C-alpha atoms as a PDB file:
ATOM      1  CA  MET A   1       0.041  -0.011   0.031  1.00  0.00           C
ATOM      2  CA  ASP A   2       1.270   3.473  -0.986  1.00  0.00           C
ATOM      3  CA  THR A   3       2.079   5.493   2.125  1.00  0.00           C
ATOM      4  CA  ARG A   4       2.319   8.996   0.227  1.00  0.00           C
ATOM      5  CA  SER A   5       0.736  10.613  -2.591  1.00  0.00           C
ATOM      6  CA  PRO A   6       2.206   9.686  -6.075  1.00  0.00           C
ATOM      7  CA  VAL A   7       4.786  12.104  -7.372  1.00  0.00           C
ATOM      8  CA  LEU A   8       4.456  13.668 -10.872  1.00  0.00           C
ATOM      9  CA  ILE A   9       7.931  13.313 -12.339  1.00  0.00           C
ATOM     10  CA  ALA A  10       8.634  15.561 -15.325  1.00  0.00           C
ATOM     11  CA  VAL A  11      11.744  15.458 -17.480  1.00  0.00           C
ATOM     12  CA  ALA A  12      13.372  18.433 -19.122  1.00  0.00           C
ATOM     13  CA  PRO A  13      15.592  16.619 -21.776  1.00  0.00           C
ATOM     14  CA  ASN A  14      17.480  19.496 -23.587  1.00  0.00           C
ATOM     15  CA  GLY A  15      16.478  23.212 -22.572  1.00  0.00           C
ATOM     16  CA  ALA A  16      17.158  26.232 -24.660  1.00  0.00           C
ATOM     17  CA  ARG A  17      20.973  26.430 -24.383  1.00  0.00           C
ATOM     18  CA  ARG A  18      22.785  23.135 -24.084  1.00  0.00           C
ATOM     19  CA  THR A  19      24.436  21.522 -27.200  1.00  0.00           C
ATOM     20  CA  ARG A  20      25.986  18.168 -28.160  1.00  0.00           C
ATOM     21  CA  SER A  21      29.280  19.565 -26.810  1.00  0.00           C
ATOM     22  CA  ASP A  22      27.742  19.499 -23.231  1.00  0.00           C
ATOM     23  CA  HIS A  23      26.411  15.874 -23.772  1.00  0.00           C
ATOM     24  CA  PRO A  24      26.624  13.731 -27.031  1.00  0.00           C
ATOM     25  CA  ARG A  25      23.143  12.312 -26.206  1.00  0.00           C
ATOM     26  CA  LEU A  26      21.505  15.532 -25.768  1.00  0.00           C
ATOM     27  CA  PRO A  27      18.195  14.968 -27.780  1.00  0.00           C
ATOM     28  CA  ILE A  28      17.443  17.807 -30.266  1.00  0.00           C
ATOM     29  CA  THR A  29      15.807  16.278 -33.461  1.00  0.00           C
ATOM     30  CA  PRO A  30      12.332  15.165 -33.303  1.00  0.00           C
ATOM     31  CA  LEU A  31      13.357  11.463 -33.704  1.00  0.00           C
ATOM     32  CA  GLU A  32      15.876  11.913 -30.881  1.00  0.00           C
ATOM     33  CA  LEU A  33      13.185  13.578 -28.635  1.00  0.00           C
ATOM     34  CA  ALA A  34      10.805  10.801 -29.487  1.00  0.00           C
ATOM     35  CA  ALA A  35      13.414   8.145 -28.403  1.00  0.00           C
ATOM     36  CA  CYS A  36      13.867  10.144 -25.275  1.00  0.00           C
ATOM     37  CA  ALA A  37      10.372  10.386 -24.432  1.00  0.00           C
ATOM     38  CA  GLN A  38      10.035   6.558 -24.796  1.00  0.00           C
ATOM     39  CA  GLU A  39      13.057   5.914 -22.347  1.00  0.00           C
ATOM     40  CA  CYS A  40      11.762   8.379 -19.929  1.00  0.00           C
ATOM     41  CA  LEU A  41       8.226   7.184 -19.890  1.00  0.00           C
ATOM     42  CA  ALA A  42       9.436   3.614 -19.262  1.00  0.00           C
ATOM     43  CA  ALA A  43      11.672   5.051 -16.475  1.00  0.00           C
ATOM     44  CA  GLY A  44       8.802   6.559 -14.726  1.00  0.00           C
ATOM     45  CA  ALA A  45       8.298  10.162 -16.080  1.00  0.00           C
ATOM     46  CA  SER A  46       4.657  11.176 -16.818  1.00  0.00           C
ATOM     47  CA  MET A  47       5.401  14.643 -18.296  1.00  0.00           C
ATOM     48  CA  LEU A  48       7.974  15.706 -20.864  1.00  0.00           C
ATOM     49  CA  HIS A  49       8.953  19.463 -20.804  1.00  0.00           C
ATOM     50  CA  LEU A  50       9.461  20.230 -24.563  1.00  0.00           C
ATOM     51  CA  HIS A  51      11.977  22.507 -26.107  1.00  0.00           C
ATOM     52  CA  VAL A  52      12.608  22.301 -29.952  1.00  0.00           C
ATOM     53  CA  ARG A  53      15.425  23.645 -32.105  1.00  0.00           C
ATOM     54  CA  ASP A  54      15.697  25.082 -35.715  1.00  0.00           C
ATOM     55  CA  ASN A  55      17.918  23.385 -38.375  1.00  0.00           C
ATOM     56  CA  GLN A  56      20.896  25.186 -36.768  1.00  0.00           C
ATOM     57  CA  GLY A  57      20.188  23.897 -33.286  1.00  0.00           C
ATOM     58  CA  ARG A  58      18.930  27.087 -31.837  1.00  0.00           C
ATOM     59  CA  HIS A  59      16.228  27.560 -29.531  1.00  0.00           C
ATOM     60  CA  THR A  60      12.847  28.371 -31.227  1.00  0.00           C
ATOM     61  CA  LEU A  61       9.168  28.566 -30.617  1.00  0.00           C
ATOM     62  CA  ASP A  62       8.057  27.981 -34.120  1.00  0.00           C
ATOM     63  CA  PRO A  63       4.712  26.204 -34.005  1.00  0.00           C
ATOM     64  CA  ASP A  64       5.493  24.019 -37.076  1.00  0.00           C
ATOM     65  CA  LEU A  65       8.646  22.679 -35.496  1.00  0.00           C
ATOM     66  CA  TYR A  66       6.851  22.092 -32.255  1.00  0.00           C
ATOM     67  CA  ASN A  67       4.143  20.124 -34.179  1.00  0.00           C
ATOM     68  CA  GLU A  68       6.788  18.003 -35.978  1.00  0.00           C
ATOM     69  CA  ALA A  69       8.405  16.960 -32.621  1.00  0.00           C
ATOM     70  CA  ILE A  70       5.073  16.459 -31.011  1.00  0.00           C
ATOM     71  CA  THR A  71       3.888  14.242 -33.710  1.00  0.00           C
ATOM     72  CA  ALA A  72       7.163  12.181 -33.686  1.00  0.00           C
ATOM     73  CA  ILE A  73       6.857  11.641 -29.877  1.00  0.00           C
ATOM     74  CA  ARG A  74       3.056  10.623 -30.211  1.00  0.00           C
ATOM     75  CA  HIS A  75       3.953   8.237 -32.909  1.00  0.00           C
ATOM     76  CA  ARG A  76       6.616   6.586 -30.656  1.00  0.00           C
ATOM     77  CA  VAL A  77       4.796   6.620 -27.145  1.00  0.00           C
ATOM     78  CA  GLY A  78       1.123   7.171 -28.040  1.00  0.00           C
ATOM     79  CA  ASP A  79      -1.099   9.748 -26.095  1.00  0.00           C
ATOM     80  CA  ASP A  80      -0.339   8.907 -22.453  1.00  0.00           C
ATOM     81  CA  LEU A  81       2.704  11.104 -21.847  1.00  0.00           C
ATOM     82  CA  ILE A  82       1.771  14.637 -21.036  1.00  0.00           C
ATOM     83  CA  LEU A  83       3.875  17.104 -23.389  1.00  0.00           C
ATOM     84  CA  GLN A  84       4.290  20.494 -21.851  1.00  0.00           C
ATOM     85  CA  VAL A  85       5.876  22.985 -24.314  1.00  0.00           C
ATOM     86  CA  THR A  86       7.956  25.922 -23.182  1.00  0.00           C
ATOM     87  CA  THR A  87       7.470  29.653 -23.924  1.00  0.00           C
ATOM     88  CA  GLU A  88      11.038  30.355 -22.772  1.00  0.00           C
ATOM     89  CA  ALA A  89      12.092  33.692 -24.359  1.00  0.00           C
ATOM     90  CA  ALA A  90      15.961  32.859 -24.148  1.00  0.00           C
ATOM     91  CA  GLY A  91      16.619  36.607 -24.892  1.00  0.00           C
ATOM     92  CA  ILE A  92      15.084  36.013 -28.409  1.00  0.00           C
ATOM     93  CA  TYR A  93      11.236  36.307 -28.007  1.00  0.00           C
ATOM     94  CA  SER A  94       9.033  39.121 -26.818  1.00  0.00           C
ATOM     95  CA  PRO A  95       5.907  38.567 -24.788  1.00  0.00           C
ATOM     96  CA  PRO A  96       3.638  39.105 -27.857  1.00  0.00           C
ATOM     97  CA  GLU A  97       5.716  36.436 -29.750  1.00  0.00           C
ATOM     98  CA  GLN A  98       5.290  34.096 -27.032  1.00  0.00           C
ATOM     99  CA  ILE A  99       1.716  34.500 -26.912  1.00  0.00           C
ATOM    100  CA  ALA A 100       1.301  34.186 -30.659  1.00  0.00           C
ATOM    101  CA  ALA A 101       3.275  30.974 -30.739  1.00  0.00           C
ATOM    102  CA  ILE A 102       1.083  29.197 -28.122  1.00  0.00           C
ATOM    103  CA  ASP A 103      -2.069  30.489 -29.564  1.00  0.00           C
ATOM    104  CA  ALA A 104      -1.168  28.931 -32.917  1.00  0.00           C
ATOM    105  CA  LEU A 105      -0.099  25.853 -31.150  1.00  0.00           C
ATOM    106  CA  ARG A 106      -2.842  25.185 -28.630  1.00  0.00           C
ATOM    107  CA  PRO A 107      -0.958  22.557 -26.658  1.00  0.00           C
ATOM    108  CA  GLU A 108      -2.167  20.574 -23.694  1.00  0.00           C
ATOM    109  CA  ALA A 109       0.335  22.046 -21.263  1.00  0.00           C
ATOM    110  CA  VAL A 110       2.588  25.045 -21.356  1.00  0.00           C
ATOM    111  CA  SER A 111       5.263  26.497 -19.028  1.00  0.00           C
ATOM    112  CA  ILE A 112       5.330  30.334 -18.645  1.00  0.00           C
ATOM    113  CA  ALA A 113       8.020  32.290 -16.756  1.00  0.00           C
ATOM    114  CA  VAL A 114       6.238  35.060 -14.826  1.00  0.00           C
ATOM    115  CA  ARG A 115       9.097  37.663 -15.094  1.00  0.00           C
ATOM    116  CA  GLU A 116       9.241  37.019 -18.899  1.00  0.00           C
ATOM    117  CA  LEU A 117       5.385  37.252 -19.718  1.00  0.00           C
ATOM    118  CA  PHE A 118       4.840  40.325 -17.397  1.00  0.00           C
ATOM    119  CA  GLY A 119       8.364  41.926 -17.752  1.00  0.00           C
ATOM    120  CA  ALA A 120       9.300  44.770 -15.415  1.00  0.00           C
ATOM    121  CA  GLY A 121       6.022  46.301 -15.433  1.00  0.00           C
ATOM    122  CA  GLY A 122       3.521  48.002 -17.768  1.00  0.00           C
ATOM    123  CA  ASP A 123       0.900  46.132 -19.858  1.00  0.00           C
ATOM    124  CA  GLU A 124      -0.771  43.437 -17.755  1.00  0.00           C
ATOM    125  CA  MET A 125      -4.020  43.258 -19.682  1.00  0.00           C
ATOM    126  CA  THR A 126      -2.558  41.572 -22.891  1.00  0.00           C
ATOM    127  CA  PRO A 127      -0.973  38.831 -20.670  1.00  0.00           C
ATOM    128  CA  ALA A 128      -4.217  38.404 -18.456  1.00  0.00           C
ATOM    129  CA  SER A 129      -6.329  38.106 -21.577  1.00  0.00           C
ATOM    130  CA  PHE A 130      -3.930  35.343 -22.756  1.00  0.00           C
ATOM    131  CA  LEU A 131      -3.907  33.688 -19.540  1.00  0.00           C
ATOM    132  CA  HIS A 132      -7.802  33.606 -19.296  1.00  0.00           C
ATOM    133  CA  SER A 133      -8.057  32.239 -22.817  1.00  0.00           C
ATOM    134  CA  LEU A 134      -5.600  29.405 -21.806  1.00  0.00           C
ATOM    135  CA  ALA A 135      -7.987  28.717 -18.736  1.00  0.00           C
ATOM    136  CA  GLY A 136     -11.027  28.731 -21.065  1.00  0.00           C
ATOM    137  CA  ARG A 137      -9.260  26.012 -23.377  1.00  0.00           C
ATOM    138  CA  ALA A 138      -8.351  24.075 -20.091  1.00  0.00           C
ATOM    139  CA  THR A 139      -4.695  24.206 -21.067  1.00  0.00           C
ATOM    140  CA  PHE A 140      -2.492  23.362 -18.062  1.00  0.00           C
ATOM    141  CA  VAL A 141      -0.383  26.236 -17.175  1.00  0.00           C
ATOM    142  CA  GLN A 142       2.844  26.012 -15.010  1.00  0.00           C
ATOM    143  CA  TYR A 143       4.091  29.331 -13.823  1.00  0.00           C
ATOM    144  CA  ILE A 144       7.905  29.210 -13.605  1.00  0.00           C
ATOM    145  CA  VAL A 145       9.538  31.458 -10.866  1.00  0.00           C
ATOM    146  CA  TYR A 146      13.083  32.012 -10.270  1.00  0.00           C
ATOM    147  CA  GLY A 147      13.278  33.333  -6.815  1.00  0.00           C
ATOM    148  CA  LEU A 148      11.282  35.029  -3.909  1.00  0.00           C
ATOM    149  CA  GLU A 149      10.509  38.089  -5.863  1.00  0.00           C
ATOM    150  CA  ASP A 150       8.884  35.962  -8.568  1.00  0.00           C
ATOM    151  CA  VAL A 151       6.864  34.066  -6.179  1.00  0.00           C
ATOM    152  CA  ARG A 152       5.501  37.174  -4.588  1.00  0.00           C
ATOM    153  CA  ARG A 153       4.723  38.585  -7.981  1.00  0.00           C
ATOM    154  CA  CYS A 154       2.832  35.264  -8.933  1.00  0.00           C
ATOM    155  CA  VAL A 155       0.779  35.791  -5.610  1.00  0.00           C
ATOM    156  CA  SER A 156      -0.062  39.256  -6.304  1.00  0.00           C
ATOM    157  CA  LEU A 157      -1.298  38.640  -9.840  1.00  0.00           C
ATOM    158  CA  HIS A 158      -3.349  35.762  -8.622  1.00  0.00           C
ATOM    159  CA  ALA A 159      -4.885  37.960  -6.057  1.00  0.00           C
ATOM    160  CA  ALA A 160      -5.606  40.539  -8.653  1.00  0.00           C
ATOM    161  CA  GLY A 161      -7.318  37.970 -10.856  1.00  0.00           C
ATOM    162  CA  ILE A 162      -4.813  38.183 -13.537  1.00  0.00           C
ATOM    163  CA  ILE A 163      -3.631  34.631 -13.031  1.00  0.00           C
ATOM    164  CA  PRO A 164      -7.046  32.936 -13.348  1.00  0.00           C
ATOM    165  CA  GLN A 165      -6.601  29.315 -12.020  1.00  0.00           C
ATOM    166  CA  GLN A 166      -8.040  28.813  -8.535  1.00  0.00           C
ATOM    167  CA  ARG A 167      -5.034  26.760  -7.549  1.00  0.00           C
ATOM    168  CA  PRO A 168      -2.013  27.914  -9.670  1.00  0.00           C
ATOM    169  CA  CYS A 169       0.772  25.415 -10.144  1.00  0.00           C
ATOM    170  CA  VAL A 170       4.300  26.897 -10.235  1.00  0.00           C
ATOM    171  CA  LEU A 171       7.736  25.422 -10.978  1.00  0.00           C
ATOM    172  CA  LEU A 172      10.468  26.520  -8.369  1.00  0.00           C
ATOM    173  CA  VAL A 173      13.655  26.816 -10.166  1.00  0.00           C
ATOM    174  CA  LEU A 174      16.714  26.403  -7.811  1.00  0.00           C
ATOM    175  CA  GLY A 175      19.995  27.893  -8.915  1.00  0.00           C
ATOM    176  CA  SER A 176      20.896  29.349 -12.447  1.00  0.00           C
ATOM    177  CA  TYR A 177      22.388  28.053 -15.749  1.00  0.00           C
ATOM    178  CA  LYS A 178      23.319  31.737 -16.882  1.00  0.00           C
ATOM    179  CA  GLU A 179      25.066  32.306 -13.544  1.00  0.00           C
ATOM    180  CA  GLN A 180      26.484  28.876 -13.171  1.00  0.00           C
ATOM    181  CA  ARG A 181      24.866  28.600  -9.800  1.00  0.00           C
ATOM    182  CA  ALA A 182      23.956  25.288  -8.392  1.00  0.00           C
ATOM    183  CA  GLY A 183      20.612  24.785  -6.629  1.00  0.00           C
ATOM    184  CA  THR A 184      20.497  23.528  -3.017  1.00  0.00           C
ATOM    185  CA  PRO A 185      17.806  22.004  -0.945  1.00  0.00           C
ATOM    186  CA  THR A 186      17.874  25.093   1.497  1.00  0.00           C
ATOM    187  CA  ASP A 187      16.906  27.258  -1.539  1.00  0.00           C
ATOM    188  CA  LEU A 188      13.429  25.749  -1.397  1.00  0.00           C
ATOM    189  CA  LEU A 189      12.248  26.512   2.127  1.00  0.00           C
ATOM    190  CA  PRO A 190      11.816  30.482   1.595  1.00  0.00           C
ATOM    191  CA  LEU A 191       9.977  29.723  -1.671  1.00  0.00           C
ATOM    192  CA  VAL A 192       7.518  27.062  -0.441  1.00  0.00           C
ATOM    193  CA  SER A 193       6.884  29.282   2.639  1.00  0.00           C
ATOM    194  CA  ALA A 194       5.837  32.167   0.498  1.00  0.00           C
ATOM    195  CA  LEU A 195       3.329  30.035  -1.533  1.00  0.00           C
ATOM    196  CA  PRO A 196      -0.214  29.860  -0.561  1.00  0.00           C
ATOM    197  CA  ARG A 197      -0.852  26.426   1.046  1.00  0.00           C
ATOM    198  CA  ASP A 198      -3.268  25.027  -1.504  1.00  0.00           C
ATOM    199  CA  TRP A 199      -1.048  25.884  -4.722  1.00  0.00           C
ATOM    200  CA  CYS A 200       0.396  23.121  -6.624  1.00  0.00           C
ATOM    201  CA  TRP A 201       4.076  23.120  -7.099  1.00  0.00           C
ATOM    202  CA  SER A 202       7.217  21.315  -8.212  1.00  0.00           C
ATOM    203  CA  SER A 203      10.847  22.056  -8.409  1.00  0.00           C
ATOM    204  CA  CYS A 204      13.847  21.612 -10.595  1.00  0.00           C
ATOM    205  CA  ALA A 205      17.539  22.396  -9.649  1.00  0.00           C
ATOM    206  CA  PHE A 206      20.580  23.173 -11.676  1.00  0.00           C
ATOM    207  CA  GLY A 207      23.819  21.336 -10.778  1.00  0.00           C
ATOM    208  CA  ALA A 208      24.807  18.158  -9.167  1.00  0.00           C
ATOM    209  CA  SER A 209      22.562  18.476  -6.224  1.00  0.00           C
ATOM    210  CA  GLU A 210      19.516  18.127  -8.433  1.00  0.00           C
ATOM    211  CA  LEU A 211      18.381  14.773  -6.828  1.00  0.00           C
ATOM    212  CA  GLN A 212      18.851  16.033  -3.218  1.00  0.00           C
ATOM    213  CA  CYS A 213      16.745  19.080  -4.191  1.00  0.00           C
ATOM    214  CA  VAL A 214      13.967  17.340  -5.876  1.00  0.00           C
ATOM    215  CA  ILE A 215      13.590  14.536  -3.108  1.00  0.00           C
ATOM    216  CA  THR A 216      13.360  17.361  -0.637  1.00  0.00           C
ATOM    217  CA  SER A 217      10.651  18.730  -2.821  1.00  0.00           C
ATOM    218  CA  ALA A 218       8.737  15.517  -2.477  1.00  0.00           C
ATOM    219  CA  LEU A 219       9.225  15.409   1.151  1.00  0.00           C
ATOM    220  CA  LEU A 220       7.641  18.820   1.432  1.00  0.00           C
ATOM    221  CA  GLY A 221       4.746  18.003  -0.661  1.00  0.00           C
ATOM    222  CA  GLY A 222       5.852  19.025  -4.096  1.00  0.00           C
ATOM    223  CA  ASP A 223       6.280  17.337  -7.433  1.00  0.00           C
ATOM    224  CA  ILE A 224       9.715  17.129  -9.273  1.00  0.00           C
ATOM    225  CA  ARG A 225      11.493  17.743 -12.510  1.00  0.00           C
ATOM    226  CA  VAL A 226      14.824  16.236 -13.581  1.00  0.00           C
ATOM    227  CA  GLY A 227      16.759  16.272 -16.920  1.00  0.00           C
ATOM    228  CA  PHE A 228      19.625  17.517 -19.074  1.00  0.00           C
ATOM    229  CA  GLU A 229      18.221  21.023 -19.145  1.00  0.00           C
ATOM    230  CA  ASN A 230      19.297  21.536 -15.415  1.00  0.00           C
ATOM    231  CA  ASN A 231      21.848  18.666 -14.796  1.00  0.00           C
ATOM    232  CA  LEU A 232      23.885  16.142 -16.406  1.00  0.00           C
ATOM    233  CA  GLN A 233      25.244  14.311 -13.389  1.00  0.00           C
ATOM    234  CA  LEU A 234      24.208  11.350 -11.383  1.00  0.00           C
ATOM    235  CA  PRO A 235      24.108  11.764  -7.639  1.00  0.00           C
ATOM    236  CA  TRP A 236      27.489   9.849  -7.181  1.00  0.00           C
ATOM    237  CA  GLY A 237      29.301  12.220  -9.592  1.00  0.00           C
ATOM    238  CA  GLU A 238      29.149  10.032 -12.915  1.00  0.00           C
ATOM    239  CA  THR A 239      27.762  11.782 -15.840  1.00  0.00           C
ATOM    240  CA  ALA A 240      24.431  10.356 -16.816  1.00  0.00           C
ATOM    241  CA  SER A 241      24.225   8.275 -19.934  1.00  0.00           C
ATOM    242  CA  ASN A 242      20.861   9.662 -20.852  1.00  0.00           C
ATOM    243  CA  ASN A 243      17.878  11.555 -19.535  1.00  0.00           C
ATOM    244  CA  ALA A 244      16.276   8.492 -18.488  1.00  0.00           C
ATOM    245  CA  ALA A 245      19.017   7.534 -16.003  1.00  0.00           C
ATOM    246  CA  LEU A 246      18.243  10.903 -14.064  1.00  0.00           C
ATOM    247  CA  VAL A 247      14.468   9.711 -13.953  1.00  0.00           C
ATOM    248  CA  GLN A 248      15.454   6.267 -12.799  1.00  0.00           C
ATOM    249  CA  ALA A 249      17.806   7.690 -10.087  1.00  0.00           C
ATOM    250  CA  ALA A 250      14.831   9.882  -8.868  1.00  0.00           C
ATOM    251  CA  VAL A 251      12.474   6.802  -8.712  1.00  0.00           C
ATOM    252  CA  ALA A 252      15.024   4.823  -6.991  1.00  0.00           C
ATOM    253  CA  ALA A 253      15.456   7.467  -4.268  1.00  0.00           C
ATOM    254  CA  LEU A 254      11.838   8.081  -3.830  1.00  0.00           C
ATOM    255  CA  SER A 255      10.824   4.403  -3.376  1.00  0.00           C
ATOM    256  CA  PRO A 256      12.653   3.872   0.225  1.00  0.00           C
ATOM    257  CA  LEU A 257      10.735   7.121   1.359  1.00  0.00           C
ATOM    258  CA  GLY A 258       7.348   5.658   0.394  1.00  0.00           C
ATOM    259  CA  PHE A 259       6.836   7.483  -2.655  1.00  0.00           C
ATOM    260  CA  ARG A 260       6.114   6.194  -6.218  1.00  0.00           C
ATOM    261  CA  ALA A 261       6.088   7.806  -9.581  1.00  0.00           C
ATOM    262  CA  ALA A 262       2.570   8.966 -10.664  1.00  0.00           C
ATOM    263  CA  THR A 263       1.280   7.266 -13.764  1.00  0.00           C
ATOM    264  CA  CYS A 264       0.435   9.410 -16.745  1.00  0.00           C
ATOM    265  CA  ALA A 265      -3.360   8.800 -16.115  1.00  0.00           C
ATOM    266  CA  GLU A 266      -2.835   9.975 -12.502  1.00  0.00           C
ATOM    267  CA  ALA A 267      -0.814  12.884 -13.566  1.00  0.00           C
ATOM    268  CA  ARG A 268      -3.171  13.926 -16.307  1.00  0.00           C
ATOM    269  CA  GLN A 269      -6.232  13.674 -13.801  1.00  0.00           C
ATOM    270  CA  ARG A 270      -4.521  15.933 -11.441  1.00  0.00           C
ATOM    271  CA  LEU A 271      -3.631  18.493 -14.054  1.00  0.00           C
ATOM    272  CA  ARG A 272      -7.109  18.546 -15.480  1.00  0.00           C
ATOM    273  CA  ALA A 273      -8.572  19.391 -12.031  1.00  0.00           C
ATOM    274  CA  LEU A 274      -6.080  22.245 -11.615  1.00  0.00           C
ATOM    275  CA  SER A 275      -6.941  23.522 -15.104  1.00  0.00           C
ATOM    276  CA  ALA A 276     -10.505  23.901 -14.518  1.00  0.00           C
END
């Protein structure tokens, strides 16, 4: 008998910035992403955080390239795995361009960085209209926050009715790729404390302490995300052979603590309730 709620395990297999010089098995092409999805699904992941690249390997939000990758993944693994597309700007895209890409694609699930969509201030009506349209389409939205200031802004936007979900779901990002700063488990505590108690949350962490961070998340009641976007190393210091190895390590660490990985059906049922 399970003693704890199942943990939704997401995998972020590539991100916007890493290349094959970082890891020879970084999945970039649609067929590579499809093979990665199959491996990670078998290892225990129920969600794949999807970035796509153009023909020169650069980050893109092109809906046609997203559709090409999604089609390849669905052909390989079927419809069970939740595919969450990113809206990451990566210094390339403006909020109107991010909105246009998602409106054209109409994905099942999407991640949105609060600081990117809303910027430093100014127009909140256009992003608000976009978020309400996503809620109307029952799109699962995960709000990405990079620190305490982002968390507080997310809570404020929700209080003002700009973020429409009754129980928003956030991803707490620990550490920074740009700053080469690794995340630590203690980074979680002030972020979780600043969240309303009934919000849904998960975490990911840059650097080799990724597993320690996400296991701490599970113990605090959150879900987890692992993958090459944030970390390439297994807990004992060896470079992971592929993304599935990081998922397997998380599952193996969760099991003795009384956790199991949520199935795709369990994860989707939970996310649909949060999208209502």
